Amino acid sequence: MSRALAMLLPLTLALVACQREERDTRPQSALGSGEQPTPVTTLEPGGQRPSPTDNKAASFEANAFHMSEGKRLFGWFNCSGCHANGGGGMGPALMDEKWIYGSSMESIHATIRDGRPNGMPSFGQKIPDDQIWELAAFVRALGGNAPSSAAPQRNDDMMV
């Protein structure tokens, strides 16, 4: 009896000493300690913002076909050479919407068309405007910013 009690006592003490694990389910900040947020500017090439009255952006952004064409063009024009299929190579990552020049369709279109200092070349003379809008729709969708109404009706991996 005393032997069983001697074995039960350390087991009881070990169980009493255990503490229940608590997990923090709140979203963590994307920034590490000591990191500063990316500065965002409202400056645009030519000192102007794109015209908000242009409905062309909305027609490309809300269309699954244009987004899929943008995906095809992203590979065709080798955008992944710098942006690594959205994950960021030597060019910035495109998987979020924290971009220096803005994440709106108009800003993305202007970036592709006119280029940006320190690395992004201008493609306005090389790519037709409608294809630039399709690329912008795909890039915007990379970060989950596509409208739900533009979601494709079938899985892209289906073998049809």
Protein backbone atom coordinates (compact mmCIF):
# COMPACT_ATOMS: atom_id res chain seq x y z
CA MET A 1 0.00 0.00 0.00
CA SER A 2 2.77 2.45 0.92
CA ARG A 3 4.60 1.56 -2.29
CA ALA A 4 1.52 2.43 -4.39
CA LEU A 5 1.13 5.66 -2.44
CA ALA A 6 4.80 6.48 -3.01
CA MET A 7 4.30 6.06 -6.79
CA LEU A 8 1.03 7.98 -6.83
CA LEU A 9 2.40 11.00 -4.95
CA PRO A 10 5.01 12.08 -7.61
CA LEU A 11 2.47 11.49 -10.37
CA THR A 12 -0.06 13.68 -8.59
CA LEU A 13 2.54 16.41 -8.03
CA ALA A 14 3.51 16.32 -11.72
CA LEU A 15 -0.11 16.69 -12.82
CA VAL A 16 -0.74 19.54 -10.39
CA ALA A 17 2.38 21.35 -11.64
CA CYS A 18 1.19 21.21 -15.26
CA GLN A 19 -0.38 24.35 -16.55
CA ARG A 20 -2.95 24.53 -19.32
CA GLU A 21 -1.58 25.89 -22.58
CA GLU A 22 -3.13 29.17 -23.67
CA ARG A 23 -2.97 30.31 -27.28
CA ASP A 24 -3.40 33.84 -28.50
CA THR A 25 -5.70 33.65 -31.53
CA ARG A 26 -5.52 37.35 -32.36
CA PRO A 27 -3.80 38.16 -35.66
CA GLN A 28 -0.13 38.87 -35.24
CA SER A 29 1.46 41.96 -36.69
CA ALA A 30 3.22 41.29 -39.99
CA LEU A 31 6.09 43.46 -38.81
CA GLY A 32 8.81 42.01 -36.63
CA SER A 33 10.23 43.87 -33.69
CA GLY A 34 12.07 46.99 -34.76
CA GLU A 35 10.71 46.94 -38.33
CA GLN A 36 9.05 50.00 -39.78
CA PRO A 37 5.97 49.86 -42.03
CA THR A 38 6.51 50.41 -45.74
CA PRO A 39 6.08 54.08 -46.56
CA VAL A 40 3.19 54.76 -48.90
CA THR A 41 3.13 57.81 -51.12
CA THR A 42 0.34 59.38 -53.10
CA LEU A 43 2.75 60.51 -55.82
CA GLU A 44 2.04 59.29 -59.33
CA PRO A 45 4.05 59.61 -62.56
CA GLY A 46 3.51 63.08 -64.00
CA GLY A 47 2.33 64.36 -60.62
CA GLN A 48 -1.29 63.29 -61.22
CA ARG A 49 -3.51 60.55 -59.93
CA PRO A 50 -5.27 58.38 -62.51
CA SER A 51 -8.77 59.53 -63.35
CA PRO A 52 -11.31 57.85 -61.03
CA THR A 53 -14.00 58.25 -63.68
CA ASP A 54 -12.42 55.54 -65.83
CA ASN A 55 -14.68 52.48 -65.53
CA LYS A 56 -12.20 50.39 -67.49
CA ALA A 57 -10.52 49.30 -64.25
CA ALA A 58 -13.79 47.98 -62.82
CA SER A 59 -14.64 46.08 -65.99
CA PHE A 60 -11.29 44.25 -65.94
CA GLU A 61 -11.19 43.68 -62.17
CA ALA A 62 -14.67 42.16 -61.99
CA ASN A 63 -14.10 39.67 -64.81
CA ALA A 64 -12.69 36.18 -64.20
CA PHE A 65 -11.65 35.82 -67.84
CA HIS A 66 -9.52 38.98 -67.70
CA MET A 67 -7.91 37.78 -64.47
CA SER A 68 -7.05 34.41 -66.02
CA GLU A 69 -5.66 36.19 -69.09
CA GLY A 70 -3.59 38.33 -66.72
CA LYS A 71 -2.23 35.16 -65.15
CA ARG A 72 -1.27 33.86 -68.58
CA LEU A 73 0.37 37.17 -69.48
CA PHE A 74 2.22 37.24 -66.13
CA GLY A 75 3.97 34.06 -67.22
CA TRP A 76 4.23 35.06 -70.89
CA PHE A 77 5.99 38.37 -70.17
CA ASN A 78 8.19 36.68 -67.53
CA CYS A 79 6.98 38.86 -64.65
CA SER A 80 7.93 35.99 -62.36
CA GLY A 81 11.57 36.64 -63.30
CA CYS A 82 11.50 39.58 -60.88
CA HIS A 83 8.38 38.93 -58.80
CA ALA A 84 8.81 35.13 -58.41
CA ASN A 85 5.18 34.19 -59.11
CA GLY A 86 3.95 36.74 -56.58
CA GLY A 87 6.24 35.75 -53.75
CA GLY A 88 8.86 38.38 -54.40
CA GLY A 89 12.23 37.83 -56.02
CA MET A 90 14.43 40.82 -56.69
CA GLY A 91 11.17 42.71 -57.30
CA PRO A 92 8.66 43.26 -54.49
CA ALA A 93 6.21 40.59 -53.39
CA LEU A 94 2.73 40.97 -54.84
CA MET A 95 0.84 38.81 -52.34
CA ASP A 96 -0.38 41.66 -50.14
CA GLU A 97 -1.62 45.18 -50.74
CA LYS A 98 1.07 47.09 -48.88
CA TRP A 99 2.70 48.69 -51.90
CA ILE A 100 4.55 51.99 -52.05
CA TYR A 101 2.57 53.25 -55.03
CA GLY A 102 -0.82 51.86 -53.99
CA SER A 103 -2.78 48.68 -54.69
CA SER A 104 -5.70 50.10 -56.65
CA MET A 105 -6.25 48.90 -60.22
CA GLU A 106 -5.35 52.35 -61.52
CA SER A 107 -2.08 52.46 -59.55
CA ILE A 108 -1.07 48.97 -60.67
CA HIS A 109 -1.90 49.86 -64.28
CA ALA A 110 0.17 53.06 -64.01
CA THR A 111 3.08 51.14 -62.49
CA ILE A 112 3.13 48.61 -65.34
CA ARG A 113 2.57 51.25 -68.03
CA ASP A 114 4.95 53.97 -66.77
CA GLY A 115 7.37 52.04 -64.56
CA ARG A 116 8.71 53.13 -61.17
CA PRO A 117 12.11 54.36 -60.01
CA ASN A 118 14.65 51.83 -58.75
CA GLY A 119 13.78 48.80 -60.81
CA MET A 120 10.34 48.63 -62.41
CA PRO A 121 10.71 49.34 -66.14
CA SER A 122 7.99 50.92 -68.26
CA PHE A 123 6.00 48.52 -70.43
CA GLY A 124 3.59 51.07 -71.90
CA GLN A 125 5.26 50.96 -75.33
CA LYS A 126 5.64 47.16 -75.32
CA ILE A 127 2.30 45.82 -74.06
CA PRO A 128 -1.15 46.83 -75.37
CA ASP A 129 -3.27 48.76 -72.86
CA ASP A 130 -5.93 46.04 -72.52
CA GLN A 131 -3.25 43.50 -71.64
CA ILE A 132 -1.84 45.88 -69.02
CA TRP A 133 -5.34 46.05 -67.48
CA GLU A 134 -5.50 42.22 -67.49
CA LEU A 135 -2.11 42.03 -65.79
CA ALA A 136 -3.29 44.60 -63.23
CA ALA A 137 -6.43 42.53 -62.52
CA PHE A 138 -4.32 39.41 -61.95
CA VAL A 139 -1.76 41.21 -59.76
CA ARG A 140 -4.56 42.68 -57.66
CA ALA A 141 -6.10 39.21 -57.30
CA LEU A 142 -2.80 37.74 -56.06
CA GLY A 143 -3.31 39.35 -52.67
CA GLY A 144 -6.91 38.17 -52.42
CA ASN A 145 -8.28 41.54 -53.49
CA ALA A 146 -10.42 40.25 -56.34
CA PRO A 147 -14.17 40.71 -55.97
CA SER A 148 -15.97 37.47 -55.10
CA SER A 149 -18.25 37.96 -58.10
CA ALA A 150 -15.22 37.49 -60.36
CA ALA A 151 -14.27 34.11 -58.94
CA PRO A 152 -13.94 31.44 -61.61
CA GLN A 153 -16.82 28.99 -61.87
CA ARG A 154 -14.59 25.92 -61.96
CA ASN A 155 -11.28 24.81 -60.58
CA ASP A 156 -8.32 25.87 -62.72
CA ASP A 157 -6.78 22.42 -62.20
CA MET A 158 -9.68 20.55 -63.79
CA MET A 159 -8.70 18.48 -66.77
CA VAL A 160 -11.50 19.29 -69.23
